[in-house]
PDB file of all heavy atoms in Angstrom:
ATOM      1  N   GLU A   1     102.739  95.149 127.541  1.00  0.00           N
ATOM      2  CA  GLU A   1     104.082  94.592 127.389  1.00  0.00           C
ATOM      3  C   GLU A   1     104.899  95.459 126.436  1.00  0.00           C
ATOM      4  O   GLU A   1     104.406  95.916 125.415  1.00  0.00           O
ATOM      5  CB  GLU A   1     103.992  93.158 126.858  1.00  0.00           C
ATOM      6  CG  GLU A   1     105.322  92.464 126.672  1.00  0.00           C
ATOM      7  CD  GLU A   1     106.109  92.329 127.963  1.00  0.00           C
ATOM      8  OE1 GLU A   1     105.612  91.665 128.896  1.00  0.00           O
ATOM      9  OE2 GLU A   1     107.209  92.927 128.026  1.00  0.00           O
ATOM     10  N   ARG A   2     106.164  95.688 126.773  1.00  0.00           N
ATOM     11  CA  ARG A   2     107.010  96.537 125.941  1.00  0.00           C
ATOM     12  C   ARG A   2     108.098  95.759 125.205  1.00  0.00           C
ATOM     13  O   ARG A   2     108.681  96.270 124.252  1.00  0.00           O
ATOM     14  CB  ARG A   2     107.652  97.634 126.802  1.00  0.00           C
ATOM     15  CG  ARG A   2     106.628  98.649 127.297  1.00  0.00           C
ATOM     16  CD  ARG A   2     106.028  99.424 126.135  1.00  0.00           C
ATOM     17  NE  ARG A   2     104.936 100.282 126.545  1.00  0.00           N
ATOM     18  CZ  ARG A   2     103.657  99.977 126.425  1.00  0.00           C
ATOM     19  NH1 ARG A   2     103.299  98.791 125.922  1.00  0.00           N
ATOM     20  NH2 ARG A   2     102.720 100.819 126.797  1.00  0.00           N
ATOM     21  N   LYS A   3     108.396  94.557 125.628  1.00  0.00           N
ATOM     22  CA  LYS A   3     109.395  93.750 124.944  1.00  0.00           C
ATOM     23  C   LYS A   3     108.739  93.019 123.776  1.00  0.00           C
ATOM     24  O   LYS A   3     107.788  92.256 123.989  1.00  0.00           O
ATOM     25  CB  LYS A   3     110.027  92.756 125.913  1.00  0.00           C
ATOM     26  CG  LYS A   3     110.809  93.413 127.041  1.00  0.00           C
ATOM     27  CD  LYS A   3     111.388  92.366 127.990  1.00  0.00           C
ATOM     28  CE  LYS A   3     112.171  93.030 129.121  1.00  0.00           C
ATOM     29  NZ  LYS A   3     112.712  92.019 130.069  1.00  0.00           N
ATOM     30  N   PRO A   4     109.209  93.247 122.540  1.00  0.00           N
ATOM     31  CA  PRO A   4     108.534  92.677 121.368  1.00  0.00           C
ATOM     32  C   PRO A   4     108.304  91.172 121.442  1.00  0.00           C
ATOM     33  O   PRO A   4     107.196  90.700 121.142  1.00  0.00           O
ATOM     34  CB  PRO A   4     109.474  93.050 120.208  1.00  0.00           C
ATOM     35  CG  PRO A   4     110.167  94.280 120.676  1.00  0.00           C
ATOM     36  CD  PRO A   4     110.348  94.099 122.152  1.00  0.00           C
ATOM     37  N   ASP A   5     109.322  90.399 121.843  1.00  0.00           N
ATOM     38  CA  ASP A   5     109.156  88.943 121.883  1.00  0.00           C
ATOM     39  C   ASP A   5     108.078  88.537 122.879  1.00  0.00           C
ATOM     40  O   ASP A   5     107.254  87.660 122.599  1.00  0.00           O
ATOM     41  CB  ASP A   5     110.484  88.263 122.234  1.00  0.00           C
ATOM     42  CG  ASP A   5     111.493  88.336 121.097  1.00  0.00           C
ATOM     43  OD1 ASP A   5     111.062  88.618 119.959  1.00  0.00           O
ATOM     44  OD2 ASP A   5     112.690  88.122 121.346  1.00  0.00           O
ATOM     45  N   GLN A   6     108.088  89.161 124.047  1.00  0.00           N
ATOM     46  CA  GLN A   6     107.082  88.840 125.058  1.00  0.00           C
ATOM     47  C   GLN A   6     105.697  89.306 124.624  1.00  0.00           C
ATOM     48  O   GLN A   6     104.693  88.648 124.888  1.00  0.00           O
ATOM     49  CB  GLN A   6     107.455  89.495 126.396  1.00  0.00           C
ATOM     50  CG  GLN A   6     108.636  88.841 127.096  1.00  0.00           C
ATOM     51  CD  GLN A   6     108.363  87.387 127.428  1.00  0.00           C
ATOM     52  OE1 GLN A   6     107.325  87.046 127.998  1.00  0.00           O
ATOM     53  NE2 GLN A   6     109.292  86.510 127.062  1.00  0.00           N
ATOM     54  N   MET A   7     105.651  90.457 123.935  1.00  0.00           N
ATOM     55  CA  MET A   7     104.371  90.943 123.434  1.00  0.00           C
ATOM     56  C   MET A   7     103.767  89.946 122.448  1.00  0.00           C
ATOM     57  O   MET A   7     102.565  89.657 122.499  1.00  0.00           O
ATOM     58  CB  MET A   7     104.535  92.314 122.765  1.00  0.00           C
ATOM     59  CG  MET A   7     103.231  92.864 122.186  1.00  0.00           C
ATOM     60  SD  MET A   7     103.426  94.443 121.345  1.00  0.00           S
ATOM     61  CE  MET A   7     103.579  95.531 122.766  1.00  0.00           C
ATOM     62  N   MET A   8     104.600  89.401 121.562  1.00  0.00           N
ATOM     63  CA  MET A   8     104.101  88.441 120.580  1.00  0.00           C
ATOM     64  C   MET A   8     103.603  87.170 121.259  1.00  0.00           C
ATOM     65  O   MET A   8     102.571  86.615 120.887  1.00  0.00           O
ATOM     66  CB  MET A   8     105.179  88.114 119.549  1.00  0.00           C
ATOM     67  CG  MET A   8     104.655  87.265 118.398  1.00  0.00           C
ATOM     68  SD  MET A   8     105.783  87.209 116.989  1.00  0.00           S
ATOM     69  CE  MET A   8     107.086  86.184 117.674  1.00  0.00           C
ATOM     70  N   ILE A   9     104.339  86.712 122.270  1.00  0.00           N
ATOM     71  CA  ILE A   9     103.922  85.517 123.000  1.00  0.00           C
ATOM     72  C   ILE A   9     102.572  85.742 123.683  1.00  0.00           C
ATOM     73  O   ILE A   9     101.663  84.906 123.608  1.00  0.00           O
ATOM     74  CB  ILE A   9     104.993  85.123 124.042  1.00  0.00           C
ATOM     75  CG1 ILE A   9     106.245  84.608 123.330  1.00  0.00           C
ATOM     76  CG2 ILE A   9     104.450  84.062 124.999  1.00  0.00           C
ATOM     77  CD1 ILE A   9     107.435  84.395 124.258  1.00  0.00           C
ATOM     78  N   LYS A  10     102.421  86.901 124.323  1.00  0.00           N
ATOM     79  CA  LYS A  10     101.173  87.196 125.028  1.00  0.00           C
ATOM     80  C   LYS A  10     100.018  87.427 124.048  1.00  0.00           C
ATOM     81  O   LYS A  10      98.873  87.049 124.326  1.00  0.00           O
ATOM     82  CB  LYS A  10     101.358  88.409 125.934  1.00  0.00           C
ATOM     83  CG  LYS A  10     102.248  88.120 127.137  1.00  0.00           C
ATOM     84  CD  LYS A  10     102.396  89.329 128.042  1.00  0.00           C
ATOM     85  CE  LYS A  10     103.280  89.008 129.251  1.00  0.00           C
ATOM     86  NZ  LYS A  10     103.447  90.170 130.146  1.00  0.00           N
ATOM     87  N   ALA A  11     100.310  88.046 122.919  1.00  0.00           N
ATOM     88  CA  ALA A  11      99.263  88.256 121.911  1.00  0.00           C
ATOM     89  C   ALA A  11      98.796  86.921 121.343  1.00  0.00           C
ATOM     90  O   ALA A  11      97.590  86.694 121.151  1.00  0.00           O
ATOM     91  CB  ALA A  11      99.775  89.154 120.798  1.00  0.00           C
ATOM     92  N   THR A  12      99.746  86.017 121.075  1.00  0.00           N
ATOM     93  CA  THR A  12      99.403  84.692 120.562  1.00  0.00           C
ATOM     94  C   THR A  12      98.572  83.927 121.589  1.00  0.00           C
ATOM     95  O   THR A  12      97.571  83.279 121.244  1.00  0.00           O
ATOM     96  CB  THR A  12     100.681  83.899 120.226  1.00  0.00           C
ATOM     97  OG1 THR A  12     101.462  84.641 119.294  1.00  0.00           O
ATOM     98  CG2 THR A  12     100.335  82.545 119.631  1.00  0.00           C
ATOM     99  N   GLY A  13      98.968  84.016 122.863  1.00  0.00           N
ATOM    100  CA  GLY A  13      98.214  83.357 123.925  1.00  0.00           C
ATOM    101  C   GLY A  13      96.822  83.928 124.073  1.00  0.00           C
ATOM    102  O   GLY A  13      95.852  83.188 124.294  1.00  0.00           O
ATOM    103  N   PHE A  14      96.705  85.245 123.935  1.00  0.00           N
ATOM    104  CA  PHE A  14      95.396  85.903 124.019  1.00  0.00           C
ATOM    105  C   PHE A  14      94.461  85.380 122.939  1.00  0.00           C
ATOM    106  O   PHE A  14      93.302  85.034 123.209  1.00  0.00           O
ATOM    107  CB  PHE A  14      95.574  87.417 123.902  1.00  0.00           C
ATOM    108  CG  PHE A  14      94.287  88.167 123.673  1.00  0.00           C
ATOM    109  CD1 PHE A  14      93.374  88.336 124.704  1.00  0.00           C
ATOM    110  CD2 PHE A  14      93.987  88.690 122.420  1.00  0.00           C
ATOM    111  CE1 PHE A  14      92.179  89.021 124.489  1.00  0.00           C
ATOM    112  CE2 PHE A  14      92.803  89.374 122.203  1.00  0.00           C
ATOM    113  CZ  PHE A  14      91.893  89.540 123.237  1.00  0.00           C
ATOM    114  N   LEU A  15      94.937  85.317 121.682  1.00  0.00           N
ATOM    115  CA  LEU A  15      94.096  84.851 120.583  1.00  0.00           C
ATOM    116  C   LEU A  15      93.717  83.380 120.737  1.00  0.00           C
ATOM    117  O   LEU A  15      92.610  82.968 120.367  1.00  0.00           O
ATOM    118  CB  LEU A  15      94.810  85.071 119.248  1.00  0.00           C
ATOM    119  CG  LEU A  15      94.998  86.522 118.813  1.00  0.00           C
ATOM    120  CD1 LEU A  15      95.814  86.584 117.524  1.00  0.00           C
ATOM    121  CD2 LEU A  15      93.658  87.220 118.624  1.00  0.00           C
ATOM    122  N   LYS A  16      94.631  82.602 121.275  1.00  0.00           N
ATOM    123  CA  LYS A  16      94.356  81.170 121.456  1.00  0.00           C
ATOM    124  C   LYS A  16      93.329  80.948 122.557  1.00  0.00           C
ATOM    125  O   LYS A  16      92.407  80.135 122.415  1.00  0.00           O
ATOM    126  CB  LYS A  16      95.649  80.429 121.792  1.00  0.00           C
ATOM    127  CG  LYS A  16      95.470  78.920 121.920  1.00  0.00           C
ATOM    128  CD  LYS A  16      96.812  78.237 122.206  1.00  0.00           C
ATOM    129  CE  LYS A  16      96.631  76.724 122.332  1.00  0.00           C
ATOM    130  NZ  LYS A  16      97.935  76.044 122.608  1.00  0.00           N
ATOM    131  N   GLU A  17      93.482  81.683 123.660  1.00  0.00           N
ATOM    132  CA  GLU A  17      92.592  81.490 124.799  1.00  0.00           C
ATOM    133  C   GLU A  17      91.245  82.178 124.616  1.00  0.00           C
ATOM    134  O   GLU A  17      90.212  81.696 125.095  1.00  0.00           O
ATOM    135  CB  GLU A  17      93.265  82.017 126.069  1.00  0.00           C
ATOM    136  CG  GLU A  17      92.535  81.641 127.341  1.00  0.00           C
ATOM    137  CD  GLU A  17      93.325  82.006 128.588  1.00  0.00           C
ATOM    138  OE1 GLU A  17      94.417  82.596 128.450  1.00  0.00           O
ATOM    139  OE2 GLU A  17      92.854  81.689 129.692  1.00  0.00           O
ATOM    140  N   PHE A  18      91.265  83.301 123.883  1.00  0.00           N
ATOM    141  CA  PHE A  18      90.031  84.071 123.691  1.00  0.00           C
ATOM    142  C   PHE A  18      89.843  84.393 122.212  1.00  0.00           C
ATOM    143  O   PHE A  18      90.143  85.510 121.762  1.00  0.00           O
ATOM    144  CB  PHE A  18      90.080  85.368 124.504  1.00  0.00           C
ATOM    145  CG  PHE A  18      90.206  85.162 125.980  1.00  0.00           C
ATOM    146  CD1 PHE A  18      91.443  85.288 126.602  1.00  0.00           C
ATOM    147  CD2 PHE A  18      89.102  84.835 126.745  1.00  0.00           C
ATOM    148  CE1 PHE A  18      91.576  85.102 127.968  1.00  0.00           C
ATOM    149  CE2 PHE A  18      89.228  84.648 128.118  1.00  0.00           C
ATOM    150  CZ  PHE A  18      90.457  84.775 128.728  1.00  0.00           C
ATOM    151  N   PRO A  19      89.388  83.422 121.418  1.00  0.00           N
ATOM    152  CA  PRO A  19      89.129  83.690 119.993  1.00  0.00           C
ATOM    153  C   PRO A  19      88.145  84.847 119.847  1.00  0.00           C
ATOM    154  O   PRO A  19      87.320  85.099 120.734  1.00  0.00           O
ATOM    155  CB  PRO A  19      88.524  82.371 119.498  1.00  0.00           C
ATOM    156  CG  PRO A  19      88.984  81.344 120.470  1.00  0.00           C
ATOM    157  CD  PRO A  19      89.071  82.040 121.799  1.00  0.00           C
ATOM    158  N   GLN A  20      88.244  85.529 118.727  1.00  0.00           N
ATOM    159  CA  GLN A  20      87.421  86.720 118.518  1.00  0.00           C
ATOM    160  C   GLN A  20      85.947  86.385 118.654  1.00  0.00           C
ATOM    161  O   GLN A  20      85.448  85.427 118.084  1.00  0.00           O
ATOM    162  CB  GLN A  20      87.699  87.339 117.149  1.00  0.00           C
ATOM    163  CG  GLN A  20      87.035  88.696 116.964  1.00  0.00           C
ATOM    164  CD  GLN A  20      87.699  89.502 115.863  1.00  0.00           C
ATOM    165  OE1 GLN A  20      88.655  89.079 115.265  1.00  0.00           O
ATOM    166  NE2 GLN A  20      87.186  90.683 115.613  1.00  0.00           N
ATOM    167  N   THR A  21      85.232  87.200 119.442  1.00  0.00           N
ATOM    168  CA  THR A  21      83.816  86.972 119.695  1.00  0.00           C
ATOM    169  C   THR A  21      82.980  87.970 118.903  1.00  0.00           C
ATOM    170  O   THR A  21      83.500  88.830 118.191  1.00  0.00           O
ATOM    171  CB  THR A  21      83.502  87.152 121.188  1.00  0.00           C
ATOM    172  OG1 THR A  21      83.652  88.544 121.519  1.00  0.00           O
ATOM    173  CG2 THR A  21      84.436  86.326 122.041  1.00  0.00           C
ATOM    174  N   THR A  22      81.680  87.846 119.082  1.00  0.00           N
ATOM    175  CA  THR A  22      80.767  88.789 118.423  1.00  0.00           C
ATOM    176  C   THR A  22      80.321  89.889 119.386  1.00  0.00           C
ATOM    177  O   THR A  22      79.436  90.667 119.053  1.00  0.00           O
ATOM    178  CB  THR A  22      79.531  88.037 117.885  1.00  0.00           C
ATOM    179  OG1 THR A  22      78.894  87.349 118.987  1.00  0.00           O
ATOM    180  CG2 THR A  22      79.913  87.034 116.826  1.00  0.00           C
ATOM    181  N   ASP A  23      80.912  89.932 120.588  1.00  0.00           N
ATOM    182  CA  ASP A  23      80.526  90.945 121.567  1.00  0.00           C
ATOM    183  C   ASP A  23      81.233  92.264 121.264  1.00  0.00           C
ATOM    184  O   ASP A  23      82.061  92.751 122.030  1.00  0.00           O
ATOM    185  CB  ASP A  23      80.864  90.471 122.980  1.00  0.00           C
ATOM    186  CG  ASP A  23      80.198  91.337 124.058  1.00  0.00           C
ATOM    187  OD1 ASP A  23      79.500  92.294 123.681  1.00  0.00           O
ATOM    188  OD2 ASP A  23      80.387  91.047 125.248  1.00  0.00           O
ATOM    189  N   ALA A  24      80.902  92.817 120.090  1.00  0.00           N
ATOM    190  CA  ALA A  24      81.590  94.027 119.633  1.00  0.00           C
ATOM    191  C   ALA A  24      81.303  95.216 120.538  1.00  0.00           C
ATOM    192  O   ALA A  24      82.168  96.077 120.728  1.00  0.00           O
ATOM    193  CB  ALA A  24      81.161  94.350 118.204  1.00  0.00           C
ATOM    194  N   GLU A  25      80.108  95.269 121.129  1.00  0.00           N
ATOM    195  CA  GLU A  25      79.745  96.403 121.975  1.00  0.00           C
ATOM    196  C   GLU A  25      80.665  96.481 123.193  1.00  0.00           C
ATOM    197  O   GLU A  25      81.154  97.553 123.551  1.00  0.00           O
ATOM    198  CB  GLU A  25      78.288  96.276 122.419  1.00  0.00           C
ATOM    199  CG  GLU A  25      77.766  97.500 123.145  1.00  0.00           C
ATOM    200  CD  GLU A  25      76.269  97.443 123.378  1.00  0.00           C
ATOM    201  OE1 GLU A  25      75.578  96.711 122.651  1.00  0.00           O
ATOM    202  OE2 GLU A  25      75.797  98.138 124.298  1.00  0.00           O
ATOM    203  N   PHE A  26      80.930  95.330 123.826  1.00  0.00           N
ATOM    204  CA  PHE A  26      81.847  95.299 124.966  1.00  0.00           C
ATOM    205  C   PHE A  26      83.245  95.723 124.536  1.00  0.00           C
ATOM    206  O   PHE A  26      83.911  96.502 125.229  1.00  0.00           O
ATOM    207  CB  PHE A  26      81.887  93.888 125.571  1.00  0.00           C
ATOM    208  CG  PHE A  26      82.890  93.729 126.686  1.00  0.00           C
ATOM    209  CD1 PHE A  26      82.546  94.040 127.991  1.00  0.00           C
ATOM    210  CD2 PHE A  26      84.185  93.283 126.428  1.00  0.00           C
ATOM    211  CE1 PHE A  26      83.470  93.904 129.022  1.00  0.00           C
ATOM    212  CE2 PHE A  26      85.114  93.139 127.447  1.00  0.00           C
ATOM    213  CZ  PHE A  26      84.751  93.456 128.752  1.00  0.00           C
ATOM    214  N   ASP A  27      83.693  95.210 123.394  1.00  0.00           N
ATOM    215  CA  ASP A  27      85.035  95.536 122.916  1.00  0.00           C
ATOM    216  C   ASP A  27      85.186  97.025 122.658  1.00  0.00           C
ATOM    217  O   ASP A  27      86.193  97.639 123.019  1.00  0.00           O
ATOM    218  CB  ASP A  27      85.350  94.742 121.649  1.00  0.00           C
ATOM    219  CG  ASP A  27      85.470  93.251 121.919  1.00  0.00           C
ATOM    220  OD1 ASP A  27      85.479  92.857 123.100  1.00  0.00           O
ATOM    221  OD2 ASP A  27      85.544  92.482 120.942  1.00  0.00           O
ATOM    222  N   ILE A  28      84.182  97.626 122.042  1.00  0.00           N
ATOM    223  CA  ILE A  28      84.237  99.056 121.737  1.00  0.00           C
ATOM    224  C   ILE A  28      84.254  99.870 123.030  1.00  0.00           C
ATOM    225  O   ILE A  28      85.041 100.813 123.182  1.00  0.00           O
ATOM    226  CB  ILE A  28      83.052  99.461 120.840  1.00  0.00           C
ATOM    227  CG1 ILE A  28      83.190  98.826 119.446  1.00  0.00           C
ATOM    228  CG2 ILE A  28      82.960 100.977 120.714  1.00  0.00           C
ATOM    229  CD1 ILE A  28      81.965  98.983 118.577  1.00  0.00           C
ATOM    230  N   GLN A  29      83.391  99.500 123.994  1.00  0.00           N
ATOM    231  CA  GLN A  29      83.312 100.237 125.254  1.00  0.00           C
ATOM    232  C   GLN A  29      84.617 100.172 126.043  1.00  0.00           C
ATOM    233  O   GLN A  29      84.970 101.107 126.759  1.00  0.00           O
ATOM    234  CB  GLN A  29      82.172  99.679 126.106  1.00  0.00           C
ATOM    235  CG  GLN A  29      80.787 100.016 125.594  1.00  0.00           C
ATOM    236  CD  GLN A  29      79.698  99.342 126.410  1.00  0.00           C
ATOM    237  OE1 GLN A  29      79.954  98.477 127.245  1.00  0.00           O
ATOM    238  NE2 GLN A  29      78.456  99.734 126.161  1.00  0.00           N
ATOM    239  N   ASN A  30      85.348  99.059 125.892  1.00  0.00           N
ATOM    240  CA  ASN A  30      86.555  98.849 126.688  1.00  0.00           C
ATOM    241  C   ASN A  30      87.845  98.989 125.875  1.00  0.00           C
ATOM    242  O   ASN A  30      88.921  98.604 126.349  1.00  0.00           O
ATOM    243  CB  ASN A  30      86.509  97.475 127.347  1.00  0.00           C
ATOM    244  CG  ASN A  30      85.449  97.379 128.416  1.00  0.00           C
ATOM    245  OD1 ASN A  30      85.657  97.786 129.550  1.00  0.00           O
ATOM    246  ND2 ASN A  30      84.281  96.857 128.055  1.00  0.00           N
ATOM    247  N   ASN A  31      87.737  99.555 124.665  1.00  0.00           N
ATOM    248  CA  ASN A  31      88.913  99.747 123.803  1.00  0.00           C
ATOM    249  C   ASN A  31      89.692  98.451 123.610  1.00  0.00           C
ATOM    250  O   ASN A  31      90.930  98.450 123.621  1.00  0.00           O
ATOM    251  CB  ASN A  31      89.831 100.828 124.377  1.00  0.00           C
ATOM    252  CG  ASN A  31      89.174 102.190 124.414  1.00  0.00           C
ATOM    253  OD1 ASN A  31      88.541 102.599 123.449  1.00  0.00           O
ATOM    254  ND2 ASN A  31      89.293 102.887 125.520  1.00  0.00           N
ATOM    255  N   LEU A  32      88.976  97.361 123.476  1.00  0.00           N
ATOM    256  CA  LEU A  32      89.595  96.060 123.243  1.00  0.00           C
ATOM    257  C   LEU A  32      89.580  95.790 121.744  1.00  0.00           C
ATOM    258  O   LEU A  32      88.514  95.667 121.144  1.00  0.00           O
ATOM    259  CB  LEU A  32      88.833  94.968 123.999  1.00  0.00           C
ATOM    260  CG  LEU A  32      89.483  93.588 124.116  1.00  0.00           C
ATOM    261  CD1 LEU A  32      88.850  92.793 125.262  1.00  0.00           C
ATOM    262  CD2 LEU A  32      89.372  92.780 122.825  1.00  0.00           C
ATOM    263  N   SER A  33      90.754  95.722 121.152  1.00  0.00           N
ATOM    264  CA  SER A  33      90.853  95.600 119.701  1.00  0.00           C
ATOM    265  C   SER A  33      91.650  94.358 119.306  1.00  0.00           C
ATOM    266  O   SER A  33      92.853  94.278 119.571  1.00  0.00           O
ATOM    267  CB  SER A  33      91.511  96.850 119.102  1.00  0.00           C
ATOM    268  OG  SER A  33      91.802  96.661 117.741  1.00  0.00           O
ATOM    269  N   TYR A  34      90.970  93.404 118.684  1.00  0.00           N
ATOM    270  CA  TYR A  34      91.678  92.232 118.183  1.00  0.00           C
ATOM    271  C   TYR A  34      92.670  92.626 117.086  1.00  0.00           C
ATOM    272  O   TYR A  34      93.644  91.929 116.844  1.00  0.00           O
ATOM    273  CB  TYR A  34      90.679  91.194 117.662  1.00  0.00           C
ATOM    274  CG  TYR A  34      90.125  90.325 118.766  1.00  0.00           C
ATOM    275  CD1 TYR A  34      89.077  90.776 119.563  1.00  0.00           C
ATOM    276  CD2 TYR A  34      90.653  89.071 119.036  1.00  0.00           C
ATOM    277  CE1 TYR A  34      88.569  89.996 120.587  1.00  0.00           C
ATOM    278  CE2 TYR A  34      90.158  88.280 120.062  1.00  0.00           C
ATOM    279  CZ  TYR A  34      89.116  88.745 120.838  1.00  0.00           C
ATOM    280  OH  TYR A  34      88.627  87.968 121.864  1.00  0.00           O
ATOM    281  N   THR A  35      92.392  93.744 116.455  1.00  0.00           N
ATOM    282  CA  THR A  35      93.318  94.267 115.452  1.00  0.00           C
ATOM    283  C   THR A  35      94.727  94.389 116.023  1.00  0.00           C
ATOM    284  O   THR A  35      95.712  94.019 115.374  1.00  0.00           O
ATOM    285  CB  THR A  35      92.840  95.647 114.956  1.00  0.00           C
ATOM    286  OG1 THR A  35      91.622  95.487 114.252  1.00  0.00           O
ATOM    287  CG2 THR A  35      93.865  96.283 114.033  1.00  0.00           C
ATOM    288  N   ASN A  36      94.830  94.906 117.252  1.00  0.00           N
ATOM    289  CA  ASN A  36      96.147  95.092 117.867  1.00  0.00           C
ATOM    290  C   ASN A  36      96.863  93.769 118.095  1.00  0.00           C
ATOM    291  O   ASN A  36      98.093  93.682 117.965  1.00  0.00           O
ATOM    292  CB  ASN A  36      96.001  95.842 119.192  1.00  0.00           C
ATOM    293  CG  ASN A  36      95.590  97.279 118.999  1.00  0.00           C
ATOM    294  OD1 ASN A  36      95.841  97.861 117.952  1.00  0.00           O
ATOM    295  ND2 ASN A  36      94.932  97.855 119.993  1.00  0.00           N
ATOM    296  N   ALA A  37      96.108  92.723 118.439  1.00  0.00           N
ATOM    297  CA  ALA A  37      96.721  91.411 118.654  1.00  0.00           C
ATOM    298  C   ALA A  37      97.260  90.843 117.349  1.00  0.00           C
ATOM    299  O   ALA A  37      98.398  90.357 117.283  1.00  0.00           O
ATOM    300  CB  ALA A  37      95.711  90.455 119.276  1.00  0.00           C
ATOM    301  N   TYR A  38      96.449  90.885 116.302  1.00  0.00           N
ATOM    302  CA  TYR A  38      96.897  90.377 115.002  1.00  0.00           C
ATOM    303  C   TYR A  38      98.120  91.152 114.516  1.00  0.00           C
ATOM    304  O   TYR A  38      99.099  90.576 114.024  1.00  0.00           O
ATOM    305  CB  TYR A  38      95.776  90.507 113.967  1.00  0.00           C
ATOM    306  CG  TYR A  38      94.570  89.640 114.248  1.00  0.00           C
ATOM    307  CD1 TYR A  38      93.289  90.182 114.267  1.00  0.00           C
ATOM    308  CD2 TYR A  38      94.705  88.277 114.483  1.00  0.00           C
ATOM    309  CE1 TYR A  38      92.176  89.398 114.509  1.00  0.00           C
ATOM    310  CE2 TYR A  38      93.595  87.482 114.729  1.00  0.00           C
ATOM    311  CZ  TYR A  38      92.331  88.046 114.740  1.00  0.00           C
ATOM    312  OH  TYR A  38      91.237  87.265 114.984  1.00  0.00           O
ATOM    313  N   GLN A  39      98.046  92.476 114.655  1.00  0.00           N
ATOM    314  CA  GLN A  39      99.147  93.305 114.165  1.00  0.00           C
ATOM    315  C   GLN A  39     100.432  93.046 114.939  1.00  0.00           C
ATOM    316  O   GLN A  39     101.517  93.024 114.356  1.00  0.00           O
ATOM    317  CB  GLN A  39      98.769  94.789 114.264  1.00  0.00           C
ATOM    318  CG  GLN A  39      97.742  95.214 113.243  1.00  0.00           C
ATOM    319  CD  GLN A  39      97.434  96.698 113.300  1.00  0.00           C
ATOM    320  OE1 GLN A  39      96.842  97.236 112.385  1.00  0.00           O
ATOM    321  NE2 GLN A  39      97.819  97.366 114.356  1.00  0.00           N
ATOM    322  N   ALA A  40     100.332  92.866 116.241  1.00  0.00           N
ATOM    323  CA  ALA A  40     101.530  92.618 117.041  1.00  0.00           C
ATOM    324  C   ALA A  40     102.259  91.381 116.540  1.00  0.00           C
ATOM    325  O   ALA A  40     103.478  91.394 116.341  1.00  0.00           O
ATOM    326  CB  ALA A  40     101.150  92.454 118.514  1.00  0.00           C
ATOM    327  N   ILE A  41     101.511  90.307 116.309  1.00  0.00           N
ATOM    328  CA  ILE A  41     102.127  89.055 115.858  1.00  0.00           C
ATOM    329  C   ILE A  41     102.722  89.213 114.465  1.00  0.00           C
ATOM    330  O   ILE A  41     103.876  88.842 114.209  1.00  0.00           O
ATOM    331  CB  ILE A  41     101.085  87.916 115.867  1.00  0.00           C
ATOM    332  CG1 ILE A  41     100.597  87.663 117.293  1.00  0.00           C
ATOM    333  CG2 ILE A  41     101.685  86.633 115.280  1.00  0.00           C
ATOM    334  CD1 ILE A  41      99.372  86.776 117.379  1.00  0.00           C
ATOM    335  N   ILE A  42     101.943  89.783 113.561  1.00  0.00           N
ATOM    336  CA  ILE A  42     102.380  89.886 112.162  1.00  0.00           C
ATOM    337  C   ILE A  42     103.565  90.837 112.017  1.00  0.00           C
ATOM    338  O   ILE A  42     104.560  90.510 111.353  1.00  0.00           O
ATOM    339  CB  ILE A  42     101.201  90.331 111.275  1.00  0.00           C
ATOM    340  CG1 ILE A  42     100.145  89.215 111.221  1.00  0.00           C
ATOM    341  CG2 ILE A  42     101.679  90.685 109.868  1.00  0.00           C
ATOM    342  CD1 ILE A  42      98.855  89.627 110.557  1.00  0.00           C
ATOM    343  N   LEU A  43     103.486  91.994 112.653  1.00  0.00           N
ATOM    344  CA  LEU A  43     104.536  92.994 112.468  1.00  0.00           C
ATOM    345  C   LEU A  43     105.829  92.612 113.175  1.00  0.00           C
ATOM    346  O   LEU A  43     106.922  92.833 112.638  1.00  0.00           O
ATOM    347  CB  LEU A  43     104.050  94.360 112.951  1.00  0.00           C
ATOM    348  CG  LEU A  43     102.863  94.946 112.172  1.00  0.00           C
ATOM    349  CD1 LEU A  43     102.416  96.266 112.789  1.00  0.00           C
ATOM    350  CD2 LEU A  43     103.209  95.134 110.712  1.00  0.00           C
ATOM    351  N   ILE A  44     105.714  92.042 114.362  1.00  0.00           N
ATOM    352  CA  ILE A  44     106.931  91.624 115.072  1.00  0.00           C
ATOM    353  C   ILE A  44     107.605  90.479 114.329  1.00  0.00           C
ATOM    354  O   ILE A  44     108.837  90.431 114.211  1.00  0.00           O
ATOM    355  CB  ILE A  44     106.602  91.233 116.531  1.00  0.00           C
ATOM    356  CG1 ILE A  44     106.164  92.476 117.308  1.00  0.00           C
ATOM    357  CG2 ILE A  44     107.815  90.600 117.199  1.00  0.00           C
ATOM    358  CD1 ILE A  44     105.598  92.180 118.691  1.00  0.00           C
ATOM    359  N   SER A  45     106.813  89.555 113.791  1.00  0.00           N
ATOM    360  CA  SER A  45     107.386  88.465 112.993  1.00  0.00           C
ATOM    361  C   SER A  45     108.070  89.009 111.745  1.00  0.00           C
ATOM    362  O   SER A  45     109.158  88.553 111.367  1.00  0.00           O
ATOM    363  CB  SER A  45     106.287  87.471 112.597  1.00  0.00           C
ATOM    364  OG  SER A  45     105.732  86.853 113.737  1.00  0.00           O
TER     365      SER A  45
END
């Protein structure tokens, strides 16, 4: 997503629907970073 407001909405929805798990190996292999979700919400706000 490139629109900041929509990005924040989708990031918030992602965290709500998929709370951070312990499957770090999958996340690393697939470049899935919860850091980016937290940062999107905090920085856009």
